[in-house]
Amino acid sequence: MRPQSAVPEAIAKLKDERPFFSSKGVTEKQGTRYVAWLDLMGTGSMMRRSATIAATFIGKLHSAAIKATCSTTEDIVRLYPVIDGVYITSREQSPVLCVLKDMLRALSLAFVLEKNIVHRFMVRGAIAFGPTCEGHDLLTSENWQLNSRPEYAKSICLGIPLAQAHDAERRAAPFGIWIHESARAFSPNGTHPLTGTHWHWWRYRTSETDGSLVNCLHAQLLDYLEWCHRHSTYLLYAEERIEAHKLLVDQYFTTMRDDPFGECAEHDSTEPRETVASLGEEMYVVGFTLEVCTAIVISSVVAGLWIAAKLLRIYLLMYGKRRLLREIVRVLRAG
C-alpha cells in the first residue's frame, strides 16, 4: 500500500475551515415515506434552444405543484423543487396521490388548451416508497453549520426512494406515472400497496370531466409527437425516442382503458382491510395446496424413475450373463 503523503503544516492549520456534519442521531430519525418525482421532459434540449421557453415550462410545472398543495399542510405533504422537477413526499399514500392527480390534471389542461403547438410541453413521473431523511432531521445540536441556516437545511431530502423514483421516471409514458416495485410491495400499516406498473391518475377520485380530458389529451399527444417527428432536428428530439414515447402513450391511454388486468378504480378502493386480508389468507392456502400437490407429483416421478433404473440394471445383468448360464446348463446335461 502506498504511504500517505505528508500534509504541509500550513495546510494542516486550516482544519477549522472544513465543512462539518455529523450523522449521529440522523438515521434514527428517518421514517418510511412515499416519494413521487414529477419531471419536465426534454429540459436539456429546451434550455439549449431557448431560455425563455424553458423558464415558461419550468415555471408552469412549479406553479402547478404549489397550487396542488395549497390546501394541505407541510406536516402532511412536502415539496422539494429541483430545477425542472419536484419531489413530493408524505408518510401517507393519499396526500401524494392527490397532489399528483391535481398536478397532472392541471398540466394536461395547459397542454390541450395551448393553441400554439410550439408552446406545449410534456411531463411524467414515478412513485416509490421507503426510508427517507428530511431536512429538519439533519438539524441536530452537533450540526451547528446547518442550524445557522435552517431554511436551507429544510430544503434537503435524501433516501433510497428518491433515487428509485428518479430512475423509474424514464419508464413512464408522457403525462403518466410509473409505480416503482417498492411502492407495489410495501405500504404503511392499514393501507394497500399500489398495484400495477402504471398509475392512472384520472381514475383516482374521478371528476365529471376527467374522461373527456384524457380522451382529448391522448389524441393531442399523438398529434404533438407526430409534429415532433417532423421537426426532430429543430427540437433536438431523437426520432427513436419519439417512437418509443408514441408506443407508451398508446399503451397507457388506450390499452388500459379496457382494464384487461382488472385494475379499474385501482387506488381509490373503499374495500375494508379485513376483506383484503382474508383474500390474502385464501390465496396463501391455495398456494400452499399447489405446493403440496407439486411435491407429491415430483416424488412419484422420482420413485418411478428409481424403480425403472433398478429393473433395467437387473435386466442388463441377466442379459450379460446369458452365455454363462447356457454353458452351465449344457455341462449339467452332458454330465
C-alpha atoms as a PDB file:
ATOM      1  CA  MET A   1       0.000   0.000   0.000  1.00  0.00           C
ATOM      2  CA  ARG A   2       1.352   3.390  -0.966  1.00  0.00           C
ATOM      3  CA  PRO A   3       2.175   5.506   2.116  1.00  0.00           C
ATOM      4  CA  GLN A   4       0.105   8.645   2.574  1.00  0.00           C
ATOM      5  CA  SER A   5       1.847  11.843   1.616  1.00  0.00           C
ATOM      6  CA  ALA A   6       2.563  14.275   4.420  1.00  0.00           C
ATOM      7  CA  VAL A   7       0.289  17.314   4.688  1.00  0.00           C
ATOM      8  CA  PRO A   8       2.184  20.606   4.846  1.00  0.00           C
ATOM      9  CA  GLU A   9       1.942  22.356   8.195  1.00  0.00           C
ATOM     10  CA  ALA A  10       0.429  25.470   6.589  1.00  0.00           C
ATOM     11  CA  ILE A  11      -2.431  23.348   5.217  1.00  0.00           C
ATOM     12  CA  ALA A  12      -2.919  21.463   8.490  1.00  0.00           C
ATOM     13  CA  LYS A  13      -3.561  24.744  10.295  1.00  0.00           C
ATOM     14  CA  LEU A  14      -6.643  25.295   8.092  1.00  0.00           C
ATOM     15  CA  LYS A  15      -8.544  22.295   9.571  1.00  0.00           C
ATOM     16  CA  ASP A  16     -11.209  24.539  11.136  1.00  0.00           C
ATOM     17  CA  GLU A  17     -12.237  25.733   7.675  1.00  0.00           C
ATOM     18  CA  ARG A  18     -13.504  22.275   6.713  1.00  0.00           C
ATOM     19  CA  PRO A  19     -17.283  21.734   6.404  1.00  0.00           C
ATOM     20  CA  PHE A  20     -18.627  19.840   9.371  1.00  0.00           C
ATOM     21  CA  PHE A  21     -21.507  17.409   9.553  1.00  0.00           C
ATOM     22  CA  SER A  22     -22.253  14.589  11.960  1.00  0.00           C
ATOM     23  CA  SER A  23     -24.658  11.807  11.032  1.00  0.00           C
ATOM     24  CA  LYS A  24     -25.012  10.811  14.681  1.00  0.00           C
ATOM     25  CA  GLY A  25     -28.680  10.569  15.535  1.00  0.00           C
ATOM     26  CA  VAL A  26     -29.803  11.396  11.991  1.00  0.00           C
ATOM     27  CA  THR A  27     -30.527   7.908  10.669  1.00  0.00           C
ATOM     28  CA  GLU A  28     -32.550   7.130  13.797  1.00  0.00           C
ATOM     29  CA  LYS A  29     -34.983   9.881  12.805  1.00  0.00           C
ATOM     30  CA  GLN A  30     -35.657   8.625   9.285  1.00  0.00           C
ATOM     31  CA  GLY A  31     -39.100   7.252   8.541  1.00  0.00           C
ATOM     32  CA  THR A  32     -40.825   5.472   5.668  1.00  0.00           C
ATOM     33  CA  ARG A  33     -42.453   7.813   3.172  1.00  0.00           C
ATOM     34  CA  TYR A  34     -43.929   7.844  -0.284  1.00  0.00           C
ATOM     35  CA  VAL A  35     -41.706   9.777  -2.653  1.00  0.00           C
ATOM     36  CA  ALA A  36     -43.040  10.951  -6.017  1.00  0.00           C
ATOM     37  CA  TRP A  37     -40.915  12.612  -8.694  1.00  0.00           C
ATOM     38  CA  LEU A  38     -42.576  14.644 -11.452  1.00  0.00           C
ATOM     39  CA  ASP A  39     -40.275  15.849 -14.180  1.00  0.00           C
ATOM     40  CA  LEU A  40     -40.431  18.073 -17.244  1.00  0.00           C
ATOM     41  CA  MET A  41     -39.483  16.054 -20.343  1.00  0.00           C
ATOM     42  CA  GLY A  42     -36.694  17.317 -22.610  1.00  0.00           C
ATOM     43  CA  THR A  43     -35.498  20.182 -20.407  1.00  0.00           C
ATOM     44  CA  GLY A  44     -31.931  19.953 -21.690  1.00  0.00           C
ATOM     45  CA  SER A  45     -32.933  20.472 -25.315  1.00  0.00           C
ATOM     46  CA  MET A  46     -35.335  23.263 -24.298  1.00  0.00           C
ATOM     47  CA  MET A  47     -32.586  25.151 -22.486  1.00  0.00           C
ATOM     48  CA  ARG A  48     -30.262  24.762 -25.459  1.00  0.00           C
ATOM     49  CA  ARG A  49     -32.979  26.154 -27.754  1.00  0.00           C
ATOM     50  CA  SER A  50     -34.440  28.984 -25.701  1.00  0.00           C
ATOM     51  CA  ALA A  51     -34.038  30.066 -22.068  1.00  0.00           C
ATOM     52  CA  THR A  52     -37.386  31.885 -22.271  1.00  0.00           C
ATOM     53  CA  ILE A  53     -39.320  28.770 -23.326  1.00  0.00           C
ATOM     54  CA  ALA A  54     -37.546  26.652 -20.711  1.00  0.00           C
ATOM     55  CA  ALA A  55     -38.324  29.179 -17.976  1.00  0.00           C
ATOM     56  CA  THR A  56     -42.007  29.275 -19.012  1.00  0.00           C
ATOM     57  CA  PHE A  57     -42.386  25.498 -18.909  1.00  0.00           C
ATOM     58  CA  ILE A  58     -40.483  25.121 -15.625  1.00  0.00           C
ATOM     59  CA  GLY A  59     -42.491  27.960 -14.076  1.00  0.00           C
ATOM     60  CA  LYS A  60     -45.797  26.309 -15.024  1.00  0.00           C
ATOM     61  CA  LEU A  61     -44.661  22.992 -13.513  1.00  0.00           C
ATOM     62  CA  HIS A  62     -43.810  24.554 -10.151  1.00  0.00           C
ATOM     63  CA  SER A  63     -46.950  26.712 -10.223  1.00  0.00           C
ATOM     64  CA  ALA A  64     -48.993  23.525 -10.599  1.00  0.00           C
ATOM     65  CA  ALA A  65     -47.125  21.987  -7.637  1.00  0.00           C
ATOM     66  CA  ILE A  66     -47.823  24.995  -5.409  1.00  0.00           C
ATOM     67  CA  LYS A  67     -51.493  25.087  -6.414  1.00  0.00           C
ATOM     68  CA  ALA A  68     -51.894  21.341  -5.787  1.00  0.00           C
ATOM     69  CA  THR A  69     -50.570  21.652  -2.220  1.00  0.00           C
ATOM     70  CA  CYS A  70     -52.261  24.904  -1.208  1.00  0.00           C
ATOM     71  CA  SER A  71     -54.976  23.012   0.679  1.00  0.00           C
ATOM     72  CA  THR A  72     -52.549  20.738   2.608  1.00  0.00           C
ATOM     73  CA  THR A  73     -50.148  21.447   5.473  1.00  0.00           C
ATOM     74  CA  GLU A  74     -46.395  20.920   5.450  1.00  0.00           C
ATOM     75  CA  ASP A  75     -46.759  18.175   8.067  1.00  0.00           C
ATOM     76  CA  ILE A  76     -48.801  16.060   5.639  1.00  0.00           C
ATOM     77  CA  VAL A  77     -47.018  16.573   2.315  1.00  0.00           C
ATOM     78  CA  ARG A  78     -43.753  18.335   1.446  1.00  0.00           C
ATOM     79  CA  LEU A  79     -42.374  19.629  -1.847  1.00  0.00           C
ATOM     80  CA  TYR A  80     -38.710  19.638  -2.840  1.00  0.00           C
ATOM     81  CA  PRO A  81     -38.324  21.569  -6.117  1.00  0.00           C
ATOM     82  CA  VAL A  82     -35.267  20.684  -8.229  1.00  0.00           C
ATOM     83  CA  ILE A  83     -34.974  22.965 -11.295  1.00  0.00           C
ATOM     84  CA  ASP A  84     -37.109  21.086 -13.881  1.00  0.00           C
ATOM     85  CA  GLY A  85     -38.860  18.748 -11.469  1.00  0.00           C
ATOM     86  CA  VAL A  86     -40.268  18.360  -7.986  1.00  0.00           C
ATOM     87  CA  TYR A  87     -40.142  15.671  -5.306  1.00  0.00           C
ATOM     88  CA  ILE A  88     -43.352  15.131  -3.322  1.00  0.00           C
ATOM     89  CA  THR A  89     -43.103  13.278  -0.002  1.00  0.00           C
ATOM     90  CA  SER A  90     -45.599  12.116   2.594  1.00  0.00           C
ATOM     91  CA  ARG A  91     -45.884   9.424   5.232  1.00  0.00           C
ATOM     92  CA  GLU A  92     -49.351   8.651   3.876  1.00  0.00           C
ATOM     93  CA  GLN A  93     -50.363   7.403   0.444  1.00  0.00           C
ATOM     94  CA  SER A  94     -53.427   9.528  -0.219  1.00  0.00           C
ATOM     95  CA  PRO A  95     -51.804  13.010   0.003  1.00  0.00           C
ATOM     96  CA  VAL A  96     -49.143  12.120  -2.560  1.00  0.00           C
ATOM     97  CA  LEU A  97     -51.714  10.691  -4.961  1.00  0.00           C
ATOM     98  CA  CYS A  98     -53.947  13.735  -4.535  1.00  0.00           C
ATOM     99  CA  VAL A  99     -51.089  16.124  -5.344  1.00  0.00           C
ATOM    100  CA  LEU A 100     -50.035  14.060  -8.369  1.00  0.00           C
ATOM    101  CA  LYS A 101     -53.634  13.903  -9.620  1.00  0.00           C
ATOM    102  CA  ASP A 102     -54.137  17.660  -9.285  1.00  0.00           C
ATOM    103  CA  MET A 103     -50.789  18.476 -10.898  1.00  0.00           C
ATOM    104  CA  LEU A 104     -51.254  16.151 -13.854  1.00  0.00           C
ATOM    105  CA  ARG A 105     -54.808  17.347 -14.389  1.00  0.00           C
ATOM    106  CA  ALA A 106     -53.729  20.999 -14.380  1.00  0.00           C
ATOM    107  CA  LEU A 107     -50.752  20.357 -16.664  1.00  0.00           C
ATOM    108  CA  SER A 108     -52.970  18.315 -19.016  1.00  0.00           C
ATOM    109  CA  LEU A 109     -55.288  21.295 -19.301  1.00  0.00           C
ATOM    110  CA  ALA A 110     -52.292  23.506 -20.059  1.00  0.00           C
ATOM    111  CA  PHE A 111     -51.320  21.093 -22.839  1.00  0.00           C
ATOM    112  CA  VAL A 112     -54.692  20.657 -24.555  1.00  0.00           C
ATOM    113  CA  LEU A 113     -55.730  24.325 -24.258  1.00  0.00           C
ATOM    114  CA  GLU A 114     -52.452  25.663 -25.688  1.00  0.00           C
ATOM    115  CA  LYS A 115     -53.172  26.729 -29.265  1.00  0.00           C
ATOM    116  CA  ASN A 116     -49.544  27.215 -30.274  1.00  0.00           C
ATOM    117  CA  ILE A 117     -48.039  23.742 -30.568  1.00  0.00           C
ATOM    118  CA  VAL A 118     -44.538  25.148 -30.040  1.00  0.00           C
ATOM    119  CA  HIS A 119     -45.545  26.174 -26.516  1.00  0.00           C
ATOM    120  CA  ARG A 120     -46.679  22.719 -25.479  1.00  0.00           C
ATOM    121  CA  PHE A 121     -44.633  20.547 -23.112  1.00  0.00           C
ATOM    122  CA  MET A 122     -44.870  17.090 -21.544  1.00  0.00           C
ATOM    123  CA  VAL A 123     -44.261  15.771 -18.041  1.00  0.00           C
ATOM    124  CA  ARG A 124     -44.003  12.339 -16.479  1.00  0.00           C
ATOM    125  CA  GLY A 125     -43.038  10.863 -13.128  1.00  0.00           C
ATOM    126  CA  ALA A 126     -42.740   7.921 -10.778  1.00  0.00           C
ATOM    127  CA  ILE A 127     -43.545   6.998  -7.198  1.00  0.00           C
ATOM    128  CA  ALA A 128     -41.538   4.912  -4.707  1.00  0.00           C
ATOM    129  CA  PHE A 129     -41.754   4.000  -1.015  1.00  0.00           C
ATOM    130  CA  GLY A 130     -39.116   3.557   1.660  1.00  0.00           C
ATOM    131  CA  PRO A 131     -36.974   5.143   4.388  1.00  0.00           C
ATOM    132  CA  THR A 132     -36.161   8.814   3.878  1.00  0.00           C
ATOM    133  CA  CYS A 133     -34.479  11.554   5.878  1.00  0.00           C
ATOM    134  CA  GLU A 134     -35.806  15.091   5.520  1.00  0.00           C
ATOM    135  CA  GLY A 135     -34.043  18.374   6.150  1.00  0.00           C
ATOM    136  CA  HIS A 136     -35.414  19.013   9.617  1.00  0.00           C
ATOM    137  CA  ASP A 137     -33.977  15.635  10.669  1.00  0.00           C
ATOM    138  CA  LEU A 138     -30.470  16.988   9.928  1.00  0.00           C
ATOM    139  CA  LEU A 139     -30.813  19.873  12.376  1.00  0.00           C
ATOM    140  CA  THR A 140     -29.222  18.129  15.368  1.00  0.00           C
ATOM    141  CA  SER A 141     -27.385  20.014  18.075  1.00  0.00           C
ATOM    142  CA  GLU A 142     -23.991  18.960  16.684  1.00  0.00           C
ATOM    143  CA  ASN A 143     -24.635  20.264  13.165  1.00  0.00           C
ATOM    144  CA  TRP A 144     -24.162  23.920  14.010  1.00  0.00           C
ATOM    145  CA  GLN A 145     -23.420  24.928  10.422  1.00  0.00           C
ATOM    146  CA  LEU A 146     -26.798  23.671   9.142  1.00  0.00           C
ATOM    147  CA  ASN A 147     -28.542  25.134  12.188  1.00  0.00           C
ATOM    148  CA  SER A 148     -27.281  28.549  11.164  1.00  0.00           C
ATOM    149  CA  ARG A 149     -29.440  28.310   8.011  1.00  0.00           C
ATOM    150  CA  PRO A 150     -32.444  26.155   8.926  1.00  0.00           C
ATOM    151  CA  GLU A 151     -34.461  27.241   5.866  1.00  0.00           C
ATOM    152  CA  TYR A 152     -31.633  25.926   3.667  1.00  0.00           C
ATOM    153  CA  ALA A 153     -31.398  22.644   5.573  1.00  0.00           C
ATOM    154  CA  LYS A 154     -35.163  22.074   5.304  1.00  0.00           C
ATOM    155  CA  SER A 155     -34.872  22.089   1.503  1.00  0.00           C
ATOM    156  CA  ILE A 156     -32.808  18.868   1.688  1.00  0.00           C
ATOM    157  CA  CYS A 157     -34.280  15.386   1.335  1.00  0.00           C
ATOM    158  CA  LEU A 158     -32.393  12.127   0.925  1.00  0.00           C
ATOM    159  CA  GLY A 159     -33.030   8.407   0.851  1.00  0.00           C
ATOM    160  CA  ILE A 160     -33.218   5.398  -1.435  1.00  0.00           C
ATOM    161  CA  PRO A 161     -36.809   6.162  -2.642  1.00  0.00           C
ATOM    162  CA  LEU A 162     -35.619   9.448  -4.165  1.00  0.00           C
ATOM    163  CA  ALA A 163     -33.139   7.607  -6.380  1.00  0.00           C
ATOM    164  CA  GLN A 164     -35.701   4.899  -7.170  1.00  0.00           C
ATOM    165  CA  ALA A 165     -38.389   7.397  -8.216  1.00  0.00           C
ATOM    166  CA  HIS A 166     -35.901   9.444 -10.257  1.00  0.00           C
ATOM    167  CA  ASP A 167     -34.604   6.399 -12.149  1.00  0.00           C
ATOM    168  CA  ALA A 168     -38.076   4.876 -12.672  1.00  0.00           C
ATOM    169  CA  GLU A 169     -39.478   8.055 -14.228  1.00  0.00           C
ATOM    170  CA  ARG A 170     -37.969   7.234 -17.626  1.00  0.00           C
ATOM    171  CA  ARG A 171     -40.254   4.183 -17.844  1.00  0.00           C
ATOM    172  CA  ALA A 172     -43.427   6.268 -17.589  1.00  0.00           C
ATOM    173  CA  ALA A 173     -45.489   7.472 -20.519  1.00  0.00           C
ATOM    174  CA  PRO A 174     -45.825  11.191 -21.217  1.00  0.00           C
ATOM    175  CA  PHE A 175     -48.307  12.533 -18.647  1.00  0.00           C
ATOM    176  CA  GLY A 176     -48.043   9.188 -16.861  1.00  0.00           C
ATOM    177  CA  ILE A 177     -46.738   7.880 -13.541  1.00  0.00           C
ATOM    178  CA  TRP A 178     -44.649   4.725 -13.145  1.00  0.00           C
ATOM    179  CA  ILE A 179     -45.003   2.749  -9.908  1.00  0.00           C
ATOM    180  CA  HIS A 180     -41.658   1.514  -8.601  1.00  0.00           C
ATOM    181  CA  GLU A 181     -41.654  -2.012  -7.153  1.00  0.00           C
ATOM    182  CA  SER A 182     -41.022  -0.638  -3.642  1.00  0.00           C
ATOM    183  CA  ALA A 183     -44.458   1.039  -3.723  1.00  0.00           C
ATOM    184  CA  ARG A 184     -46.002  -2.142  -5.140  1.00  0.00           C
ATOM    185  CA  ALA A 185     -44.556  -4.336  -2.390  1.00  0.00           C
ATOM    186  CA  PHE A 186     -44.812  -2.193   0.743  1.00  0.00           C
ATOM    187  CA  SER A 187     -47.148   0.350   2.308  1.00  0.00           C
ATOM    188  CA  PRO A 188     -47.876   1.900   5.711  1.00  0.00           C
ATOM    189  CA  ASN A 189     -49.835  -0.205   8.177  1.00  0.00           C
ATOM    190  CA  GLY A 190     -53.525  -0.335   7.390  1.00  0.00           C
ATOM    191  CA  THR A 191     -53.186   0.644   3.719  1.00  0.00           C
ATOM    192  CA  HIS A 192     -52.916  -1.230   0.429  1.00  0.00           C
ATOM    193  CA  PRO A 193     -49.713  -1.206  -1.639  1.00  0.00           C
ATOM    194  CA  LEU A 194     -50.145   0.334  -5.057  1.00  0.00           C
ATOM    195  CA  THR A 195     -50.951  -2.149  -7.820  1.00  0.00           C
ATOM    196  CA  GLY A 196     -49.752  -2.445 -11.396  1.00  0.00           C
ATOM    197  CA  THR A 197     -46.844  -0.673 -13.043  1.00  0.00           C
ATOM    198  CA  HIS A 198     -48.588   2.422 -14.424  1.00  0.00           C
ATOM    199  CA  TRP A 199     -50.717   4.617 -12.177  1.00  0.00           C
ATOM    200  CA  HIS A 200     -53.752   6.063 -13.985  1.00  0.00           C
ATOM    201  CA  TRP A 201     -54.326   9.381 -12.276  1.00  0.00           C
ATOM    202  CA  TRP A 202     -57.694  10.059 -13.956  1.00  0.00           C
ATOM    203  CA  ARG A 203     -59.157   7.022 -12.181  1.00  0.00           C
ATOM    204  CA  TYR A 204     -58.285   8.397  -8.751  1.00  0.00           C
ATOM    205  CA  ARG A 205     -61.146  10.443  -7.240  1.00  0.00           C
ATOM    206  CA  THR A 206     -62.650  10.874 -10.674  1.00  0.00           C
ATOM    207  CA  SER A 207     -64.428  14.082 -11.615  1.00  0.00           C
ATOM    208  CA  GLU A 208     -67.046  14.553 -14.337  1.00  0.00           C
ATOM    209  CA  THR A 209     -64.585  15.976 -16.880  1.00  0.00           C
ATOM    210  CA  ASP A 210     -61.676  13.564 -16.343  1.00  0.00           C
ATOM    211  CA  GLY A 211     -62.830  11.138 -19.039  1.00  0.00           C
ATOM    212  CA  SER A 212     -63.196  13.710 -21.796  1.00  0.00           C
ATOM    213  CA  LEU A 213     -59.963  15.430 -20.719  1.00  0.00           C
ATOM    214  CA  VAL A 214     -57.990  12.187 -21.012  1.00  0.00           C
ATOM    215  CA  ASN A 215     -59.509  11.361 -24.413  1.00  0.00           C
ATOM    216  CA  CYS A 216     -58.574  14.810 -25.677  1.00  0.00           C
ATOM    217  CA  LEU A 217     -55.103  14.568 -24.129  1.00  0.00           C
ATOM    218  CA  HIS A 218     -54.462  11.183 -25.761  1.00  0.00           C
ATOM    219  CA  ALA A 219     -55.416  12.412 -29.237  1.00  0.00           C
ATOM    220  CA  GLN A 220     -53.440  15.623 -28.944  1.00  0.00           C
ATOM    221  CA  LEU A 221     -50.372  13.839 -27.551  1.00  0.00           C
ATOM    222  CA  LEU A 222     -50.234  11.648 -30.649  1.00  0.00           C
ATOM    223  CA  ASP A 223     -50.613  14.716 -32.884  1.00  0.00           C
ATOM    224  CA  TYR A 224     -47.899  16.511 -30.931  1.00  0.00           C
ATOM    225  CA  LEU A 225     -45.471  13.580 -31.159  1.00  0.00           C
ATOM    226  CA  GLU A 226     -46.130  13.326 -34.881  1.00  0.00           C
ATOM    227  CA  TRP A 227     -45.316  17.035 -35.205  1.00  0.00           C
ATOM    228  CA  CYS A 228     -42.155  16.497 -33.148  1.00  0.00           C
ATOM    229  CA  HIS A 229     -41.146  13.704 -35.539  1.00  0.00           C
ATOM    230  CA  ARG A 230     -41.407  16.070 -38.486  1.00  0.00           C
ATOM    231  CA  HIS A 231     -39.290  18.697 -36.694  1.00  0.00           C
ATOM    232  CA  SER A 232     -36.985  16.452 -34.653  1.00  0.00           C
ATOM    233  CA  THR A 233     -33.747  18.176 -35.704  1.00  0.00           C
ATOM    234  CA  TYR A 234     -35.138  21.582 -34.752  1.00  0.00           C
ATOM    235  CA  LEU A 235     -36.378  20.317 -31.384  1.00  0.00           C
ATOM    236  CA  LEU A 236     -33.250  18.208 -30.677  1.00  0.00           C
ATOM    237  CA  TYR A 237     -35.654  15.322 -30.039  1.00  0.00           C
ATOM    238  CA  ALA A 238     -34.246  11.954 -31.176  1.00  0.00           C
ATOM    239  CA  GLU A 239     -36.592  10.098 -33.548  1.00  0.00           C
ATOM    240  CA  GLU A 240     -36.176   6.762 -31.765  1.00  0.00           C
ATOM    241  CA  ARG A 241     -37.291   8.406 -28.510  1.00  0.00           C
ATOM    242  CA  ILE A 242     -40.319   9.893 -30.250  1.00  0.00           C
ATOM    243  CA  GLU A 243     -41.368   6.447 -31.487  1.00  0.00           C
ATOM    244  CA  ALA A 244     -40.846   4.972 -28.032  1.00  0.00           C
ATOM    245  CA  HIS A 245     -42.987   7.699 -26.492  1.00  0.00           C
ATOM    246  CA  LYS A 246     -45.753   7.097 -29.072  1.00  0.00           C
ATOM    247  CA  LEU A 247     -45.863   3.445 -28.041  1.00  0.00           C
ATOM    248  CA  LEU A 248     -46.000   4.364 -24.356  1.00  0.00           C
ATOM    249  CA  VAL A 249     -48.822   6.842 -24.955  1.00  0.00           C
ATOM    250  CA  ASP A 250     -50.889   4.253 -26.837  1.00  0.00           C
ATOM    251  CA  GLN A 251     -50.366   1.607 -24.163  1.00  0.00           C
ATOM    252  CA  TYR A 252     -51.003   3.984 -21.275  1.00  0.00           C
ATOM    253  CA  PHE A 253     -54.124   5.721 -22.598  1.00  0.00           C
ATOM    254  CA  THR A 254     -55.631   3.067 -24.922  1.00  0.00           C
ATOM    255  CA  THR A 255     -54.758  -0.460 -23.787  1.00  0.00           C
ATOM    256  CA  MET A 256     -55.594   0.131 -20.159  1.00  0.00           C
ATOM    257  CA  ARG A 257     -58.908   1.824 -20.948  1.00  0.00           C
ATOM    258  CA  ASP A 258     -60.482  -1.617 -21.343  1.00  0.00           C
ATOM    259  CA  ASP A 259     -58.923  -2.617 -17.994  1.00  0.00           C
ATOM    260  CA  PRO A 260     -57.658  -6.091 -19.062  1.00  0.00           C
ATOM    261  CA  PHE A 261     -55.816  -6.602 -15.767  1.00  0.00           C
ATOM    262  CA  GLY A 262     -58.760  -5.743 -13.558  1.00  0.00           C
ATOM    263  CA  GLU A 263     -57.278  -2.569 -12.128  1.00  0.00           C
ATOM    264  CA  CYS A 264     -60.334  -0.342 -12.569  1.00  0.00           C
ATOM    265  CA  ALA A 265     -60.643   2.188  -9.744  1.00  0.00           C
ATOM    266  CA  GLU A 266     -57.311   0.741  -8.677  1.00  0.00           C
ATOM    267  CA  HIS A 267     -56.254   3.044  -5.878  1.00  0.00           C
ATOM    268  CA  ASP A 268     -59.478   4.528  -4.612  1.00  0.00           C
ATOM    269  CA  SER A 269     -60.940   1.352  -3.208  1.00  0.00           C
ATOM    270  CA  THR A 270     -63.165   1.526  -0.147  1.00  0.00           C
ATOM    271  CA  GLU A 271     -62.919  -2.207   0.440  1.00  0.00           C
ATOM    272  CA  PRO A 272     -62.269  -2.961   4.136  1.00  0.00           C
ATOM    273  CA  ARG A 273     -58.790  -4.057   5.110  1.00  0.00           C
ATOM    274  CA  GLU A 274     -60.208  -7.267   6.611  1.00  0.00           C
ATOM    275  CA  THR A 275     -61.574  -8.317   3.197  1.00  0.00           C
ATOM    276  CA  VAL A 276     -58.183  -7.902   1.611  1.00  0.00           C
ATOM    277  CA  ALA A 277     -56.551  -9.790   4.463  1.00  0.00           C
ATOM    278  CA  SER A 278     -58.985 -12.714   4.151  1.00  0.00           C
ATOM    279  CA  LEU A 279     -58.380 -12.777   0.419  1.00  0.00           C
ATOM    280  CA  GLY A 280     -54.656 -12.948   1.112  1.00  0.00           C
ATOM    281  CA  GLU A 281     -55.210 -15.880   3.506  1.00  0.00           C
ATOM    282  CA  GLU A 282     -57.241 -17.721   0.877  1.00  0.00           C
ATOM    283  CA  MET A 283     -54.555 -17.132  -1.711  1.00  0.00           C
ATOM    284  CA  TYR A 284     -51.968 -18.448   0.775  1.00  0.00           C
ATOM    285  CA  VAL A 285     -53.984 -21.649   1.318  1.00  0.00           C
ATOM    286  CA  VAL A 286     -54.365 -22.145  -2.437  1.00  0.00           C
ATOM    287  CA  GLY A 287     -50.656 -21.561  -2.962  1.00  0.00           C
ATOM    288  CA  PHE A 288     -49.749 -23.985  -0.154  1.00  0.00           C
ATOM    289  CA  THR A 289     -52.054 -26.660  -1.595  1.00  0.00           C
ATOM    290  CA  LEU A 290     -50.473 -26.270  -5.031  1.00  0.00           C
ATOM    291  CA  GLU A 291     -47.016 -26.621  -3.497  1.00  0.00           C
ATOM    292  CA  VAL A 292     -48.025 -29.852  -1.698  1.00  0.00           C
ATOM    293  CA  CYS A 293     -49.542 -31.322  -4.883  1.00  0.00           C
ATOM    294  CA  THR A 294     -46.444 -30.402  -6.842  1.00  0.00           C
ATOM    295  CA  ALA A 295     -44.222 -32.067  -4.232  1.00  0.00           C
ATOM    296  CA  ILE A 296     -46.303 -35.280  -4.380  1.00  0.00           C
ATOM    297  CA  VAL A 297     -46.121 -35.409  -8.184  1.00  0.00           C
ATOM    298  CA  ILE A 298     -42.369 -34.842  -8.177  1.00  0.00           C
ATOM    299  CA  SER A 299     -41.881 -37.553  -5.514  1.00  0.00           C
ATOM    300  CA  SER A 300     -43.940 -40.037  -7.547  1.00  0.00           C
ATOM    301  CA  VAL A 301     -41.950 -39.319 -10.696  1.00  0.00           C
ATOM    302  CA  VAL A 302     -38.628 -39.736  -8.850  1.00  0.00           C
ATOM    303  CA  ALA A 303     -39.782 -43.038  -7.273  1.00  0.00           C
ATOM    304  CA  GLY A 304     -40.916 -44.347 -10.672  1.00  0.00           C
ATOM    305  CA  LEU A 305     -37.567 -43.452 -12.238  1.00  0.00           C
ATOM    306  CA  TRP A 306     -35.729 -45.211  -9.384  1.00  0.00           C
ATOM    307  CA  ILE A 307     -37.751 -48.421  -9.852  1.00  0.00           C
ATOM    308  CA  ALA A 308     -37.242 -48.307 -13.620  1.00  0.00           C
ATOM    309  CA  ALA A 309     -33.490 -47.913 -13.127  1.00  0.00           C
ATOM    310  CA  LYS A 310     -33.370 -50.958 -10.817  1.00  0.00           C
ATOM    311  CA  LEU A 311     -35.331 -53.122 -13.282  1.00  0.00           C
ATOM    312  CA  LEU A 312     -33.065 -52.014 -16.111  1.00  0.00           C
ATOM    313  CA  ARG A 313     -29.989 -52.922 -14.069  1.00  0.00           C
ATOM    314  CA  ILE A 314     -31.364 -56.414 -13.324  1.00  0.00           C
ATOM    315  CA  TYR A 315     -32.178 -56.956 -16.999  1.00  0.00           C
ATOM    316  CA  LEU A 316     -28.716 -55.876 -18.120  1.00  0.00           C
ATOM    317  CA  LEU A 317     -27.032 -58.152 -15.575  1.00  0.00           C
ATOM    318  CA  MET A 318     -29.085 -61.120 -16.682  1.00  0.00           C
ATOM    319  CA  TYR A 319     -28.540 -60.413 -20.376  1.00  0.00           C
ATOM    320  CA  GLY A 320     -24.797 -60.043 -19.911  1.00  0.00           C
ATOM    321  CA  LYS A 321     -24.515 -63.455 -18.155  1.00  0.00           C
ATOM    322  CA  ARG A 322     -26.849 -65.382 -20.532  1.00  0.00           C
ATOM    323  CA  ARG A 323     -23.986 -67.161 -22.313  1.00  0.00           C
ATOM    324  CA  LEU A 324     -22.520 -68.288 -18.995  1.00  0.00           C
ATOM    325  CA  LEU A 325     -25.900 -69.689 -17.918  1.00  0.00           C
ATOM    326  CA  ARG A 326     -26.273 -71.606 -21.201  1.00  0.00           C
ATOM    327  CA  GLU A 327     -22.796 -73.133 -20.767  1.00  0.00           C
ATOM    328  CA  ILE A 328     -23.645 -74.251 -17.236  1.00  0.00           C
ATOM    329  CA  VAL A 329     -26.881 -75.859 -18.459  1.00  0.00           C
ATOM    330  CA  ARG A 330     -25.023 -77.675 -21.303  1.00  0.00           C
ATOM    331  CA  VAL A 331     -22.425 -79.038 -18.908  1.00  0.00           C
ATOM    332  CA  LEU A 332     -25.044 -80.230 -16.465  1.00  0.00           C
ATOM    333  CA  ARG A 333     -26.958 -82.001 -19.258  1.00  0.00           C
ATOM    334  CA  ALA A 334     -23.815 -83.663 -20.580  1.00  0.00           C
ATOM    335  CA  GLY A 335     -22.962 -84.850 -17.053  1.00  0.00           C
END
